[in-house]
Amino acid sequence: MTRVFSGVKPTGHLTLGNYLGAMRRWAAVDQHEAEALFCIVDLHALTVDHDPARVRRLSRQAATLLLAAGLDPDLCTVFVQSHVDEHARLSYLLECVATDGEMRRMIQYKEKAGREQARGGSVRLSLLTYPVLMAADILAYGADEVPVGDDQVQHVELTRDLAVRFNQRYGHTFVVPRATRPAVAARVMNLQEPLSKMGKSDDTGPGIVYLLDEPDAVRKKVLRAVTDSGREVVYDREARPGVANLLEILAACMGGNPSDLSGVYESYGALKKDTAEAVVEVLRPVQERHKELCADPGFVEGVLRDGAERARAMARPTVDAAYRAIGLLPAGAAVAETVTGGAGAR
């Protein structure tokens, strides 16, 4: 069976973009058709300035929302990255295979480092190297497919390069994964800045619909979405990004095609109203299930504990094999030589 790995970073509250672009497909398709692992990648949240208590809180919330979105622990593995040591173990090995130039060419690093430097802040080394940790997340499990948004495809390509390079230098160890992307709403854009992704770490709150927003808040944000000049409702991502974003969100919620839907509306107001109601309805079952899970925190903790055990059992053989392949002495062998006075002691 195909093995799939993907994750969410607890750097902010999960958004409509996270749900339509990834989480819904994980629940509806991936967990049924593949051996699927879904991870709260909390180590990645440490690459920028952060509040420790907030990271813990958002990690728990993200896990709860993944389950509320329909992930079934009987069908897939849901766990927290830092609960499985193999991620950090393998990350260092891959740093020894990656190059400085590869890291500095990563588009997200350039963008995030540029924003941090513009504010007069310093850039953490982990921000530069985190694509290698992401590669370790994937390669540790022998994942065949990695469902990602457009902005993460470059990181999966790096993962493929590192896997091939390691295999060529030290012997076949890793499966070489491929990125997969949903056809519609792969990248939901900010309602106030339709040329920018609806990111959970953004500061422009009015342009972001969060999964736990109240229905009235959702309606207000969608009804105030930025549109474009002109009055005709046309699906054109380049010329009319605001309207295109609304059409894509509506299509994703209703299971339609944005181009077809554009011919249905004669005004921006009608499009916004229908999009707002569609978003409210698509989030309703997620929010209801989230309330139920919050009332039973022991269930979520148990899912994460069991998930970490399963993930560890899957990752450890591959990571141990990578340690042997790259030339590290197995711990058991070192103990044996000490006890028996091996050749190196003479």
Protein backbone atom coordinates (compact mmCIF):
# COMPACT_ATOMS: atom_id res chain seq x y z
CA MET A 1 0.00 0.00 0.00
CA THR A 2 1.18 3.51 -0.81
CA ARG A 3 2.45 5.37 2.26
CA VAL A 4 1.53 9.04 2.67
CA PHE A 5 3.03 11.57 5.10
CA SER A 6 1.94 15.14 5.75
CA GLY A 7 1.85 17.56 8.64
CA VAL A 8 0.68 20.86 10.06
CA LYS A 9 2.84 23.40 11.84
CA PRO A 10 1.47 24.85 15.12
CA THR A 11 2.48 28.44 14.46
CA GLY A 12 -1.07 29.77 14.35
CA HIS A 13 -4.71 28.75 14.37
CA LEU A 14 -5.62 26.46 11.48
CA THR A 15 -7.46 28.15 8.63
CA LEU A 16 -9.97 27.48 5.90
CA GLY A 17 -6.96 27.18 3.59
CA ASN A 18 -5.54 24.37 5.69
CA TYR A 19 -8.86 22.57 5.59
CA LEU A 20 -9.81 22.97 1.92
CA GLY A 21 -6.26 22.63 0.67
CA ALA A 22 -5.22 19.61 2.72
CA MET A 23 -7.10 18.34 5.76
CA ARG A 24 -10.37 17.50 4.03
CA ARG A 25 -8.61 15.39 1.43
CA TRP A 26 -6.60 13.63 4.13
CA ALA A 27 -9.84 12.55 5.79
CA ALA A 28 -11.86 11.80 2.66
CA VAL A 29 -9.20 10.13 0.52
CA ASP A 30 -5.71 9.58 1.88
CA GLN A 31 -6.50 7.73 5.10
CA HIS A 32 -8.71 5.29 3.15
CA GLU A 33 -6.49 4.70 0.14
CA ALA A 34 -3.03 4.72 1.70
CA GLU A 35 -1.04 3.93 4.82
CA ALA A 36 -1.23 7.50 6.06
CA LEU A 37 0.68 9.42 8.73
CA PHE A 38 -0.35 12.92 9.82
CA CYS A 39 1.98 14.84 12.09
CA ILE A 40 1.84 18.03 14.15
CA VAL A 41 5.33 19.27 13.27
CA ASP A 42 6.01 21.21 16.45
CA LEU A 43 9.80 21.24 16.02
CA HIS A 44 9.29 23.42 12.94
CA ALA A 45 7.49 25.98 15.10
CA LEU A 46 10.76 26.68 16.93
CA THR A 47 12.49 28.17 13.87
CA VAL A 48 11.15 31.64 14.72
CA ASP A 49 10.54 33.60 17.90
CA HIS A 50 7.72 31.88 19.79
CA ASP A 51 5.91 31.59 23.10
CA PRO A 52 6.45 28.05 24.50
CA ALA A 53 3.01 27.89 26.11
CA ARG A 54 1.38 28.96 22.86
CA VAL A 55 3.21 26.30 20.86
CA ARG A 56 1.94 23.63 23.27
CA ARG A 57 -1.58 25.02 23.13
CA LEU A 58 -1.64 25.24 19.35
CA SER A 59 -0.17 21.75 19.03
CA ARG A 60 -3.00 20.31 21.10
CA GLN A 61 -5.56 22.36 19.18
CA ALA A 62 -4.16 21.22 15.83
CA ALA A 63 -4.36 17.57 16.88
CA THR A 64 -7.94 18.04 18.00
CA LEU A 65 -8.90 19.76 14.75
CA LEU A 66 -7.31 17.02 12.65
CA LEU A 67 -9.51 14.50 14.41
CA ALA A 68 -12.51 16.83 14.14
CA ALA A 69 -11.91 17.08 10.39
CA GLY A 70 -12.41 13.34 10.12
CA LEU A 71 -9.05 11.67 10.65
CA ASP A 72 -9.70 8.26 12.20
CA PRO A 73 -6.92 6.82 14.42
CA ASP A 74 -8.10 3.36 13.41
CA LEU A 75 -7.32 4.19 9.77
CA CYS A 76 -4.27 6.45 10.05
CA THR A 77 -1.51 7.53 12.42
CA VAL A 78 -1.83 10.94 14.08
CA PHE A 79 1.10 12.05 16.25
CA VAL A 80 3.34 14.90 17.38
CA GLN A 81 6.74 15.25 15.75
CA SER A 82 8.74 15.86 18.94
CA HIS A 83 7.33 12.66 20.47
CA VAL A 84 9.34 10.61 17.95
CA ASP A 85 13.10 11.07 18.33
CA GLU A 86 13.84 9.66 14.87
CA HIS A 87 12.96 12.99 13.24
CA ALA A 88 15.79 14.83 14.98
CA ARG A 89 18.18 11.86 14.62
CA LEU A 90 17.73 11.69 10.87
CA SER A 91 17.74 15.45 10.38
CA TYR A 92 21.40 15.74 11.39
CA LEU A 93 22.43 12.98 8.99
CA LEU A 94 20.69 14.77 6.14
CA GLU A 95 22.38 18.04 7.09
CA CYS A 96 25.61 16.16 6.41
CA VAL A 97 24.34 15.43 2.88
CA ALA A 98 22.70 18.79 2.05
CA THR A 99 24.68 21.86 0.97
CA ASP A 100 24.61 25.45 2.16
CA GLY A 101 23.70 26.62 -1.32
CA GLU A 102 20.65 24.37 -1.46
CA MET A 103 19.35 25.78 1.80
CA ARG A 104 19.83 29.41 0.80
CA ARG A 105 18.00 28.88 -2.49
CA MET A 106 14.80 27.85 -0.72
CA ILE A 107 12.15 30.46 -1.55
CA GLN A 108 10.47 30.35 1.87
CA TYR A 109 13.80 30.94 3.60
CA LYS A 110 14.48 33.98 1.44
CA GLU A 111 11.03 35.41 2.14
CA LYS A 112 10.98 34.75 5.89
CA ALA A 113 14.59 35.80 6.43
CA GLY A 114 13.96 38.98 4.44
CA ARG A 115 10.94 39.91 6.57
CA GLU A 116 12.82 39.22 9.80
CA GLN A 117 15.84 41.25 8.73
CA ALA A 118 13.59 44.11 7.62
CA ARG A 119 12.23 44.24 11.17
CA GLY A 120 15.76 44.43 12.50
CA GLY A 121 15.67 40.93 13.97
CA SER A 122 18.11 38.07 13.68
CA VAL A 123 17.48 34.89 11.70
CA ARG A 124 17.79 31.57 13.51
CA LEU A 125 19.98 28.90 11.99
CA SER A 126 17.05 26.48 12.26
CA LEU A 127 15.10 28.63 9.79
CA LEU A 128 17.82 27.95 7.22
CA THR A 129 18.00 24.22 7.90
CA TYR A 130 14.34 23.41 8.52
CA PRO A 131 13.80 22.02 4.98
CA VAL A 132 16.25 19.29 5.97
CA LEU A 133 14.16 18.48 9.03
CA MET A 134 11.12 18.36 6.74
CA ALA A 135 13.02 15.91 4.53
CA ALA A 136 13.74 13.80 7.60
CA ASP A 137 10.03 13.86 8.50
CA ILE A 138 9.24 12.33 5.13
CA LEU A 139 12.17 9.97 4.56
CA ALA A 140 12.03 8.39 8.02
CA TYR A 141 8.74 6.75 7.10
CA GLY A 142 9.50 5.66 3.56
CA ALA A 143 6.64 7.85 2.33
CA ASP A 144 5.73 7.44 -1.33
CA GLU A 145 3.55 10.55 -1.53
CA VAL A 146 3.52 13.91 0.25
CA PRO A 147 0.29 15.93 -0.15
CA VAL A 148 1.38 19.59 -0.16
CA GLY A 149 0.33 23.04 -1.27
CA ASP A 150 2.11 24.86 -4.06
CA ASP A 151 4.43 26.65 -1.64
CA GLN A 152 5.87 23.39 -0.30
CA VAL A 153 6.64 21.64 -3.59
CA GLN A 154 10.20 22.99 -3.59
CA HIS A 155 10.84 21.35 -0.22
CA VAL A 156 9.62 17.97 -1.48
CA GLU A 157 11.95 18.34 -4.47
CA LEU A 158 14.81 18.95 -2.02
CA THR A 159 13.74 15.82 -0.13
CA ARG A 160 13.93 13.82 -3.36
CA ASP A 161 17.40 15.21 -4.10
CA LEU A 162 18.70 14.33 -0.63
CA ALA A 163 17.24 10.83 -0.80
CA VAL A 164 18.84 10.15 -4.19
CA ARG A 165 22.19 11.59 -3.09
CA PHE A 166 22.25 9.56 0.13
CA ASN A 167 21.31 6.38 -1.73
CA GLN A 168 24.03 6.94 -4.31
CA ARG A 169 26.74 7.67 -1.76
CA TYR A 170 25.94 5.21 0.99
CA GLY A 171 23.71 2.54 -0.50
CA HIS A 172 19.98 2.37 -1.07
CA THR A 173 18.29 3.46 2.16
CA PHE A 174 15.41 5.78 1.38
CA VAL A 175 12.27 5.71 -0.73
CA VAL A 176 12.27 8.70 -3.10
CA PRO A 177 8.88 10.44 -2.52
CA ARG A 178 6.77 12.57 -4.82
CA ALA A 179 4.59 15.60 -4.11
CA THR A 180 0.85 15.40 -4.77
CA ARG A 181 -1.50 18.36 -5.02
CA PRO A 182 -5.31 18.57 -5.02
CA ALA A 183 -6.87 19.90 -8.23
CA VAL A 184 -9.01 22.62 -6.60
CA ALA A 185 -8.18 25.04 -3.76
CA ALA A 186 -4.61 23.86 -3.45
CA ARG A 187 -3.83 27.37 -2.33
CA VAL A 188 -6.62 29.43 -0.76
CA MET A 189 -5.67 33.09 -0.81
CA ASN A 190 -6.07 35.84 1.79
CA LEU A 191 -9.46 37.53 1.47
CA GLN A 192 -7.89 40.97 1.92
CA GLU A 193 -4.72 40.27 -0.05
CA PRO A 194 -5.72 37.81 -2.80
CA LEU A 195 -2.17 37.62 -4.14
CA SER A 196 -0.99 36.16 -0.82
CA LYS A 197 -1.75 32.74 0.67
CA MET A 198 -4.22 32.50 3.56
CA GLY A 199 -1.50 31.67 6.07
CA LYS A 200 -2.16 30.86 9.71
CA SER A 201 0.87 32.91 10.78
CA ASP A 202 -0.24 36.11 9.01
CA ASP A 203 -1.10 39.29 10.88
CA THR A 204 -3.97 40.30 8.57
CA GLY A 205 -6.77 38.70 10.59
CA PRO A 206 -9.71 40.11 8.54
CA GLY A 207 -8.44 38.23 5.49
CA ILE A 208 -8.17 34.86 7.22
CA VAL A 209 -11.02 32.50 8.02
CA TYR A 210 -10.03 30.31 10.96
CA LEU A 211 -11.58 26.89 11.44
CA LEU A 212 -12.96 27.90 14.83
CA ASP A 213 -14.36 31.28 13.76
CA GLU A 214 -18.00 31.82 14.73
CA PRO A 215 -20.44 31.76 11.77
CA ASP A 216 -21.07 35.51 11.99
CA ALA A 217 -17.34 36.20 11.95
CA VAL A 218 -16.97 33.98 8.86
CA ARG A 219 -19.78 35.82 7.07
CA LYS A 220 -18.31 39.22 7.92
CA LYS A 221 -14.86 38.30 6.62
CA VAL A 222 -16.15 36.84 3.36
CA LEU A 223 -18.59 39.68 2.71
CA ARG A 224 -15.74 42.16 3.17
CA ALA A 225 -13.38 40.26 0.86
CA VAL A 226 -11.44 42.35 -1.63
CA THR A 227 -12.67 41.97 -5.19
CA ASP A 228 -11.48 43.56 -8.43
CA SER A 229 -12.29 46.45 -10.74
CA GLY A 230 -15.27 45.93 -13.00
CA ARG A 231 -18.57 44.25 -12.24
CA GLU A 232 -18.55 41.05 -14.28
CA VAL A 233 -17.95 37.82 -12.35
CA VAL A 234 -15.20 36.14 -14.37
CA TYR A 235 -12.77 33.42 -13.31
CA ASP A 236 -9.34 34.83 -14.18
CA ARG A 237 -6.59 34.27 -11.62
CA GLU A 238 -4.22 36.75 -13.24
CA ALA A 239 -6.54 39.65 -14.03
CA ARG A 240 -9.08 39.22 -11.23
CA PRO A 241 -7.43 37.43 -8.31
CA GLY A 242 -10.02 38.54 -5.71
CA VAL A 243 -13.01 37.13 -7.59
CA ALA A 244 -11.04 34.04 -8.61
CA ASN A 245 -10.26 33.34 -4.96
CA LEU A 246 -13.93 33.54 -3.98
CA LEU A 247 -14.91 31.27 -6.86
CA GLU A 248 -12.27 28.73 -5.91
CA ILE A 249 -13.39 28.73 -2.28
CA LEU A 250 -17.02 28.31 -3.32
CA ALA A 251 -16.11 25.54 -5.75
CA ALA A 252 -14.10 23.72 -3.11
CA CYS A 253 -16.96 23.93 -0.61
CA MET A 254 -19.62 22.81 -3.08
CA GLY A 255 -17.59 20.37 -5.15
CA GLY A 256 -17.98 22.42 -8.33
CA ASN A 257 -15.72 24.06 -10.89
CA PRO A 258 -14.78 27.74 -10.45
CA SER A 259 -15.03 28.49 -14.16
CA ASP A 260 -18.54 27.03 -14.35
CA LEU A 261 -19.65 28.87 -11.22
CA SER A 262 -18.52 32.23 -12.61
CA GLY A 263 -21.34 32.14 -15.14
CA VAL A 264 -23.95 31.78 -12.40
CA TYR A 265 -23.43 35.18 -10.78
CA GLU A 266 -24.27 38.65 -12.02
CA SER A 267 -22.81 40.55 -9.08
CA TYR A 268 -19.97 40.36 -6.58
CA GLY A 269 -22.46 40.70 -3.73
CA ALA A 270 -24.35 37.55 -4.65
CA LEU A 271 -21.08 35.63 -5.05
CA LYS A 272 -19.87 36.77 -1.64
CA LYS A 273 -23.15 35.88 0.06
CA ASP A 274 -23.21 32.35 -1.35
CA THR A 275 -19.51 31.84 -0.63
CA ALA A 276 -19.98 32.96 2.99
CA GLU A 277 -22.86 30.53 3.55
CA ALA A 278 -20.98 27.69 1.86
CA VAL A 279 -17.98 28.25 4.15
CA VAL A 280 -20.18 28.37 7.26
CA GLU A 281 -21.79 25.07 6.31
CA VAL A 282 -18.53 23.30 5.44
CA LEU A 283 -17.05 24.31 8.82
CA ARG A 284 -20.13 23.47 10.88
CA PRO A 285 -19.47 19.70 11.36
CA VAL A 286 -15.79 20.33 12.09
CA GLN A 287 -16.64 22.83 14.82
CA GLU A 288 -19.27 20.57 16.33
CA ARG A 289 -16.91 17.61 16.48
CA HIS A 290 -14.17 19.86 17.89
CA LYS A 291 -16.44 20.77 20.82
CA GLU A 292 -17.08 17.08 21.52
CA LEU A 293 -13.36 16.27 21.49
CA CYS A 294 -12.49 19.20 23.76
CA ALA A 295 -14.89 17.72 26.31
CA ASP A 296 -12.84 14.49 26.27
CA PRO A 297 -9.16 15.56 26.30
CA GLY A 298 -8.07 12.10 27.43
CA PHE A 299 -9.16 10.67 24.10
CA VAL A 300 -6.95 13.08 22.15
CA GLU A 301 -3.98 12.42 24.43
CA GLY A 302 -4.46 8.69 23.93
CA VAL A 303 -4.57 9.08 20.15
CA LEU A 304 -1.30 11.04 20.20
CA ARG A 305 0.39 8.55 22.53
CA ASP A 306 -0.62 5.55 20.43
CA GLY A 307 0.23 7.40 17.24
CA ALA A 308 3.74 8.18 18.46
CA GLU A 309 4.31 4.52 19.31
CA ARG A 310 3.23 3.41 15.85
CA ALA A 311 5.24 6.14 14.14
CA ARG A 312 8.34 5.27 16.15
CA ALA A 313 8.06 1.62 15.20
CA MET A 314 7.82 2.58 11.52
CA ALA A 315 10.64 5.13 11.53
CA ARG A 316 13.28 3.50 13.69
CA PRO A 317 14.37 0.70 11.29
CA THR A 318 14.94 3.20 8.46
CA VAL A 319 16.80 5.69 10.63
CA ASP A 320 18.95 2.96 12.18
CA ALA A 321 19.76 1.75 8.67
CA ALA A 322 20.77 5.28 7.68
CA TYR A 323 23.08 5.49 10.70
CA ARG A 324 24.78 2.27 9.68
CA ALA A 325 24.99 3.25 6.02
CA ILE A 326 26.65 6.61 6.68
CA GLY A 327 29.34 5.01 8.85
CA LEU A 328 28.22 5.38 12.45
CA LEU A 329 29.07 2.60 14.88
CA PRO A 330 25.98 0.81 16.23
CA ALA A 331 25.59 1.24 19.99
CA GLY A 332 25.49 -2.52 20.58
CA ALA A 333 28.78 -3.01 18.73
CA ALA A 334 30.47 -0.32 20.81
CA VAL A 335 29.35 -2.00 24.03
CA ALA A 336 30.49 -5.42 22.78
CA GLU A 337 33.96 -4.17 21.95
CA THR A 338 34.29 -2.54 25.37
CA VAL A 339 33.28 -5.72 27.15
CA THR A 340 35.35 -8.14 25.06
CA GLY A 341 38.38 -5.95 24.45
CA GLY A 342 37.97 -5.92 20.67
CA ALA A 343 40.69 -5.42 18.12
CA GLY A 344 40.72 -1.67 18.60
CA ALA A 345 41.68 -2.11 22.27
CA ARG A 346 44.85 -4.07 21.50
